[in-house]
Amino acid sequence: MKPLDEAVQRQVADELGLYVYMLVDPQTGIPFYVGKGRGTRFASHGWEAMLGEDETAEFEETDVKAKIAQIRAIRSTGFEPEIWIIRYGMKSGPEYTSVEAACIDLLHSMPIQTRVDRKVRVPEGCTSQLANARREASRGHGIMLLQDLYDEMAAPPLQTDIPLLLVTLGPWTENKNERMPGGYLRHGYGYKSEWLTQTGRIKNYQSIGESAAGWFNYAPWEVKRRGIEYAAAVHRGVTRALLRIDHDSWESSGSGHDRRSAFAFDLLDSGEVFDQVIGPYGHRLPRKKKGAQKQYYWPYR
């Protein structure tokens, strides 16, 4: 595992609170351990808070030995276990103990098959398996990779003075064959789980841009009045991709509160503006005050 920045480590610890996690063999995609922990332990021990012995473990010594043996076996092949955070930000011992027990019961009852292809398993990567559509808000405390949470906390604050249109993307929604300005068809909008990793984000900049290009209730005239040339795709409060807006391409539909607009764009993945707005980790927006109206334009006023 790569070394942790101490300041970011403390931020992650504060975000974690009481949490439940599972360890996954990256070669098979199969979980081999479920545990629980406290953010304070992560602040002190980093990755080893999950990869060592649990401070709250109530298991037989053989269970702990089996966990450590599996970790060593994975490391002997040149890999590291994946740390998945199942739930975090919990407030009480009974709550996170119940979540841990439910996860163990589920994994004891429903077998998970070894993946037969090279596709990486990601949180929320199998949503079609269930009829349930319920998901938390984009700032919820649901399942995610610990590395992704760390990378979000590592994102520096957005401090640029460049005017931006901020396009906030929630969870991914399928929407087949939606015509977009520029002549292409879009097949959904929102943000996919596999785009959270730095590698996945860079590989899918174009798809993120297409997701952010419409249809939203922005007023093209207001964007132009503010002298905005760029749009930033935002997910979980962090900038993810940068678009240069083609102001001659704006299209709108509906009227009043139902009016929605979209635009064609050029994708930017390098340069001075990109470094100020996106960079290697994205940039974190200031948290909005409770009850504040939606803010589409940067800098905030």
Protein backbone atom coordinates (compact mmCIF):
# COMPACT_ATOMS: atom_id res chain seq x y z
CA MET A 1 0.00 0.00 0.00
CA LYS A 2 1.28 3.47 -0.79
CA PRO A 3 2.34 5.74 2.11
CA LEU A 4 -0.32 8.02 3.61
CA ASP A 5 -0.11 11.76 4.03
CA GLU A 6 -0.62 12.40 7.75
CA ALA A 7 -2.98 15.36 7.27
CA VAL A 8 -5.14 13.45 4.78
CA GLN A 9 -5.05 10.40 7.04
CA ARG A 10 -6.58 12.47 9.85
CA GLN A 11 -9.28 13.80 7.52
CA VAL A 12 -10.18 10.27 6.42
CA ALA A 13 -10.29 9.16 10.05
CA ASP A 14 -12.72 11.96 10.90
CA GLU A 15 -14.89 11.00 7.92
CA LEU A 16 -14.88 7.29 8.78
CA GLY A 17 -16.15 7.56 12.34
CA LEU A 18 -17.46 4.10 13.21
CA TYR A 19 -17.25 1.91 10.13
CA VAL A 20 -17.62 -1.61 8.79
CA TYR A 21 -15.22 -2.87 6.13
CA MET A 22 -14.42 -5.97 4.13
CA LEU A 23 -11.20 -7.24 2.59
CA VAL A 24 -11.34 -8.52 -0.99
CA ASP A 25 -8.87 -10.67 -2.91
CA PRO A 26 -8.10 -8.51 -6.00
CA GLN A 27 -7.35 -11.56 -8.14
CA THR A 28 -10.69 -13.28 -7.59
CA GLY A 29 -12.93 -10.42 -6.52
CA ILE A 30 -14.10 -12.49 -3.53
CA PRO A 31 -14.38 -11.00 0.00
CA PHE A 32 -12.52 -12.99 2.65
CA TYR A 33 -13.01 -10.92 5.79
CA VAL A 34 -15.54 -8.49 7.32
CA GLY A 35 -14.61 -6.31 10.27
CA LYS A 36 -15.45 -3.08 12.07
CA GLY A 37 -13.36 -0.23 13.35
CA ARG A 38 -13.08 3.35 14.58
CA GLY A 39 -11.66 6.28 12.68
CA THR A 40 -9.34 7.06 15.59
CA ARG A 41 -7.55 3.76 14.97
CA PHE A 42 -7.12 4.59 11.27
CA ALA A 43 -5.65 7.95 12.33
CA SER A 44 -2.98 6.08 14.31
CA HIS A 45 -2.36 2.99 12.18
CA GLY A 46 -3.43 3.84 8.59
CA TRP A 47 -4.00 0.86 6.32
CA GLU A 48 -2.98 -1.54 9.08
CA ALA A 49 -6.11 -0.55 11.01
CA MET A 50 -7.88 -2.91 8.59
CA LEU A 51 -5.04 -5.23 7.61
CA GLY A 52 -3.85 -6.00 11.14
CA GLU A 53 -5.77 -7.28 14.16
CA ASP A 54 -9.10 -5.53 14.84
CA GLU A 55 -9.19 -3.56 18.09
CA THR A 56 -12.90 -4.40 18.38
CA ALA A 57 -12.63 -8.00 17.21
CA GLU A 58 -14.71 -10.52 19.14
CA PHE A 59 -13.58 -13.56 17.17
CA GLU A 60 -11.64 -16.69 17.93
CA GLU A 61 -7.88 -16.48 17.59
CA THR A 62 -8.16 -18.84 14.61
CA ASP A 63 -10.28 -16.24 12.76
CA VAL A 64 -7.58 -13.60 13.17
CA LYS A 65 -4.89 -16.06 12.07
CA ALA A 66 -6.93 -16.96 8.98
CA LYS A 67 -7.26 -13.27 8.08
CA ILE A 68 -3.52 -12.63 8.41
CA ALA A 69 -2.68 -15.81 6.49
CA GLN A 70 -4.91 -14.77 3.58
CA ILE A 71 -3.34 -11.31 3.48
CA ARG A 72 0.14 -12.83 3.39
CA ALA A 73 -0.89 -15.21 0.60
CA ILE A 74 -2.18 -12.30 -1.50
CA ARG A 75 0.96 -10.25 -0.87
CA SER A 76 3.16 -13.20 -1.85
CA THR A 77 1.73 -12.93 -5.38
CA GLY A 78 2.58 -9.23 -5.64
CA PHE A 79 -0.90 -7.88 -4.86
CA GLU A 80 -2.52 -6.05 -1.95
CA PRO A 81 -5.97 -6.79 -0.51
CA GLU A 82 -8.66 -4.32 -1.52
CA ILE A 83 -10.24 -2.50 1.42
CA TRP A 84 -13.94 -1.85 0.88
CA ILE A 85 -15.78 0.41 3.31
CA ILE A 86 -19.29 -1.02 3.56
CA ARG A 87 -20.69 1.68 5.82
CA TYR A 88 -19.08 4.62 7.61
CA GLY A 89 -20.00 7.62 9.69
CA MET A 90 -22.05 5.53 12.13
CA LYS A 91 -22.61 6.90 15.61
CA SER A 92 -23.13 3.96 17.97
CA GLY A 93 -21.63 0.59 18.80
CA PRO A 94 -24.90 -1.34 18.33
CA GLU A 95 -25.35 0.21 14.88
CA TYR A 96 -21.99 -0.78 13.44
CA THR A 97 -22.10 -4.18 15.17
CA SER A 98 -25.47 -4.86 13.50
CA VAL A 99 -24.15 -3.83 10.08
CA GLU A 100 -21.11 -6.08 10.51
CA ALA A 101 -23.28 -9.04 11.54
CA ALA A 102 -25.66 -8.51 8.61
CA CYS A 103 -22.76 -8.47 6.13
CA ILE A 104 -21.24 -11.63 7.59
CA ASP A 105 -24.63 -13.38 7.46
CA LEU A 106 -25.14 -12.33 3.84
CA LEU A 107 -21.71 -13.48 2.70
CA HIS A 108 -22.12 -16.76 4.60
CA SER A 109 -25.43 -17.33 2.80
CA MET A 110 -24.98 -16.02 -0.75
CA PRO A 111 -21.92 -17.39 -2.58
CA ILE A 112 -19.87 -14.97 -4.67
CA GLN A 113 -18.37 -16.45 -7.79
CA THR A 114 -14.75 -15.98 -8.81
CA ARG A 115 -14.71 -13.50 -11.65
CA VAL A 116 -14.08 -15.17 -14.99
CA ASP A 117 -12.92 -12.07 -16.84
CA ARG A 118 -10.43 -9.31 -16.10
CA LYS A 119 -13.11 -6.75 -15.27
CA VAL A 120 -12.42 -5.03 -11.97
CA ARG A 121 -15.20 -5.24 -9.41
CA VAL A 122 -16.26 -1.86 -8.05
CA PRO A 123 -18.87 -0.67 -5.54
CA GLU A 124 -22.33 -0.45 -7.12
CA GLY A 125 -20.98 -2.31 -10.16
CA CYS A 126 -23.80 -4.89 -10.24
CA THR A 127 -26.93 -2.78 -9.77
CA SER A 128 -28.83 -4.73 -12.44
CA GLN A 129 -28.89 -7.77 -10.12
CA LEU A 130 -31.53 -6.17 -7.89
CA ALA A 131 -34.92 -4.62 -8.57
CA ASN A 132 -34.13 -2.03 -5.88
CA ALA A 133 -33.34 1.42 -7.21
CA ARG A 134 -32.78 3.04 -3.79
CA ARG A 135 -29.45 4.70 -3.27
CA GLU A 136 -28.20 7.32 -0.88
CA ALA A 137 -27.53 10.90 -1.80
CA SER A 138 -24.15 11.64 -3.36
CA ARG A 139 -22.77 12.59 0.07
CA GLY A 140 -24.08 9.47 1.80
CA HIS A 141 -22.02 7.00 3.77
CA GLY A 142 -22.56 3.91 1.62
CA ILE A 143 -20.14 1.40 0.17
CA MET A 144 -16.91 2.59 -1.45
CA LEU A 145 -13.25 1.68 -1.70
CA LEU A 146 -11.10 3.13 1.08
CA GLN A 147 -8.57 4.25 -1.54
CA ASP A 148 -11.28 6.30 -3.30
CA LEU A 149 -12.27 7.95 -0.03
CA TYR A 150 -8.61 8.74 0.66
CA ASP A 151 -8.17 10.23 -2.83
CA GLU A 152 -11.21 12.46 -2.29
CA MET A 153 -9.79 13.72 0.99
CA ALA A 154 -6.44 14.30 -0.75
CA ALA A 155 -8.08 16.68 -3.22
CA PRO A 156 -6.90 20.25 -2.49
CA PRO A 157 -9.51 23.01 -2.10
CA LEU A 158 -10.67 24.75 -5.27
CA GLN A 159 -9.12 28.22 -5.15
CA THR A 160 -9.01 29.37 -8.76
CA ASP A 161 -10.55 32.70 -9.81
CA ILE A 162 -11.50 31.28 -13.21
CA PRO A 163 -15.31 31.52 -13.68
CA LEU A 164 -16.85 28.04 -13.89
CA LEU A 165 -20.19 26.40 -14.49
CA LEU A 166 -20.42 23.65 -11.85
CA VAL A 167 -22.30 20.54 -12.99
CA THR A 168 -23.02 18.27 -10.03
CA LEU A 169 -23.44 14.61 -11.00
CA GLY A 170 -25.27 12.11 -8.81
CA PRO A 171 -25.28 8.31 -9.15
CA TRP A 172 -25.40 6.93 -12.68
CA THR A 173 -28.79 6.65 -14.41
CA GLU A 174 -29.31 4.73 -17.65
CA ASN A 175 -31.08 6.73 -20.36
CA LYS A 176 -30.69 5.20 -23.82
CA ASN A 177 -30.28 7.17 -27.04
CA GLU A 178 -30.62 10.73 -25.72
CA ARG A 179 -29.71 13.20 -28.44
CA MET A 180 -27.14 15.81 -27.43
CA PRO A 181 -25.84 19.04 -28.98
CA GLY A 182 -22.94 18.06 -31.21
CA GLY A 183 -24.87 15.24 -32.86
CA TYR A 184 -24.04 12.26 -30.61
CA LEU A 185 -26.34 10.02 -28.56
CA ARG A 186 -25.90 9.82 -24.80
CA HIS A 187 -26.81 6.60 -23.00
CA GLY A 188 -27.06 7.87 -19.45
CA TYR A 189 -26.03 10.58 -17.01
CA GLY A 190 -24.55 10.83 -13.54
CA TYR A 191 -21.29 9.35 -12.25
CA LYS A 192 -20.30 5.67 -12.38
CA SER A 193 -18.53 4.00 -9.48
CA GLU A 194 -15.66 2.86 -11.69
CA TRP A 195 -14.86 6.51 -12.44
CA LEU A 196 -13.95 7.21 -8.80
CA THR A 197 -10.42 5.85 -9.11
CA GLN A 198 -7.83 8.13 -10.66
CA THR A 199 -7.15 5.63 -13.46
CA GLY A 200 -10.86 5.13 -14.17
CA ARG A 201 -11.52 8.86 -14.19
CA ILE A 202 -8.71 9.67 -16.63
CA LYS A 203 -9.72 6.81 -18.92
CA ASN A 204 -13.33 8.04 -19.02
CA TYR A 205 -12.94 11.83 -19.21
CA GLN A 206 -14.99 11.92 -22.44
CA SER A 207 -17.87 9.95 -20.91
CA ILE A 208 -17.83 12.17 -17.81
CA GLY A 209 -17.94 15.21 -20.08
CA GLU A 210 -20.92 13.83 -22.00
CA SER A 211 -22.68 13.13 -18.71
CA ALA A 212 -22.13 16.72 -17.56
CA ALA A 213 -23.11 18.46 -20.82
CA GLY A 214 -26.88 18.47 -20.18
CA TRP A 215 -29.84 18.51 -19.66
CA PHE A 216 -29.84 20.77 -16.60
CA ASN A 217 -31.75 23.87 -15.49
CA TYR A 218 -28.98 26.34 -16.24
CA ALA A 219 -29.72 29.54 -18.14
CA PRO A 220 -27.37 29.88 -21.15
CA TRP A 221 -27.75 33.66 -21.08
CA GLU A 222 -26.61 33.75 -17.43
CA VAL A 223 -23.59 31.56 -18.19
CA LYS A 224 -22.60 33.93 -20.99
CA ARG A 225 -23.29 37.04 -18.88
CA ARG A 226 -20.88 35.79 -16.25
CA GLY A 227 -18.16 35.30 -18.86
CA ILE A 228 -17.96 31.56 -18.18
CA GLU A 229 -16.00 29.55 -20.75
CA TYR A 230 -15.54 26.30 -18.80
CA ALA A 231 -17.73 23.75 -17.05
CA ALA A 232 -16.47 21.42 -14.32
CA ALA A 233 -18.11 18.06 -13.64
CA VAL A 234 -18.46 17.62 -9.87
CA HIS A 235 -19.17 14.43 -7.90
CA ARG A 236 -19.20 14.09 -4.11
CA GLY A 237 -17.99 17.67 -3.85
CA VAL A 238 -14.83 17.14 -5.94
CA THR A 239 -14.16 18.34 -9.50
CA ARG A 240 -13.74 15.40 -11.89
CA ALA A 241 -13.50 16.67 -15.49
CA LEU A 242 -13.12 19.97 -17.35
CA LEU A 243 -15.10 21.05 -20.42
CA ARG A 244 -14.75 24.10 -22.66
CA ILE A 245 -18.29 25.22 -23.51
CA ASP A 246 -19.25 25.85 -27.15
CA HIS A 247 -21.58 28.82 -26.60
CA ASP A 248 -22.94 28.59 -30.14
CA SER A 249 -24.25 25.09 -29.45
CA TRP A 250 -26.67 25.68 -26.56
CA GLU A 251 -30.04 23.96 -26.93
CA SER A 252 -33.00 24.20 -24.55
CA SER A 253 -36.30 22.41 -24.07
CA GLY A 254 -39.31 22.99 -21.84
CA SER A 255 -40.23 26.24 -20.13
CA GLY A 256 -40.24 27.82 -16.69
CA HIS A 257 -39.03 25.50 -13.93
CA ASP A 258 -39.04 22.61 -16.42
CA ARG A 259 -36.65 24.31 -18.82
CA ARG A 260 -33.46 22.29 -19.39
CA SER A 261 -30.38 23.17 -21.43
CA ALA A 262 -27.38 21.35 -22.89
CA PHE A 263 -24.23 22.28 -24.79
CA ALA A 264 -21.48 20.82 -26.96
CA PHE A 265 -17.96 20.92 -25.55
CA ASP A 266 -14.27 20.34 -26.04
CA LEU A 267 -12.66 18.15 -23.41
CA LEU A 268 -9.57 19.51 -21.64
CA ASP A 269 -7.16 17.08 -19.97
CA SER A 270 -4.04 19.22 -19.62
CA GLY A 271 -2.85 22.82 -19.43
CA GLU A 272 -2.90 25.64 -16.88
CA VAL A 273 -6.69 25.83 -16.52
CA PHE A 274 -6.91 22.05 -16.13
CA ASP A 275 -4.26 22.11 -13.40
CA GLN A 276 -6.13 24.82 -11.48
CA VAL A 277 -9.53 23.14 -11.73
CA ILE A 278 -8.84 19.37 -11.90
CA GLY A 279 -5.20 18.31 -11.52
CA PRO A 280 -4.30 14.77 -10.40
CA TYR A 281 -6.92 14.44 -7.62
CA GLY A 282 -9.60 16.94 -8.55
CA HIS A 283 -10.27 19.94 -6.31
CA ARG A 284 -12.69 20.01 -3.39
CA LEU A 285 -15.48 22.56 -3.26
CA PRO A 286 -16.28 24.29 0.03
CA ARG A 287 -19.17 22.60 1.81
CA LYS A 288 -22.42 24.48 1.42
CA LYS A 289 -24.10 25.80 4.52
CA LYS A 290 -27.19 23.89 5.58
CA GLY A 291 -30.24 25.27 3.80
CA ALA A 292 -28.19 27.12 1.18
CA GLN A 293 -29.57 27.26 -2.34
CA LYS A 294 -27.94 25.30 -5.13
CA GLN A 295 -24.85 27.07 -6.39
CA TYR A 296 -24.06 26.55 -10.05
CA TYR A 297 -21.43 29.19 -10.60
CA TRP A 298 -17.87 29.57 -9.39
CA PRO A 299 -16.47 31.59 -7.66
CA TYR A 300 -19.21 31.41 -5.01
CA ARG A 301 -20.60 34.77 -4.02
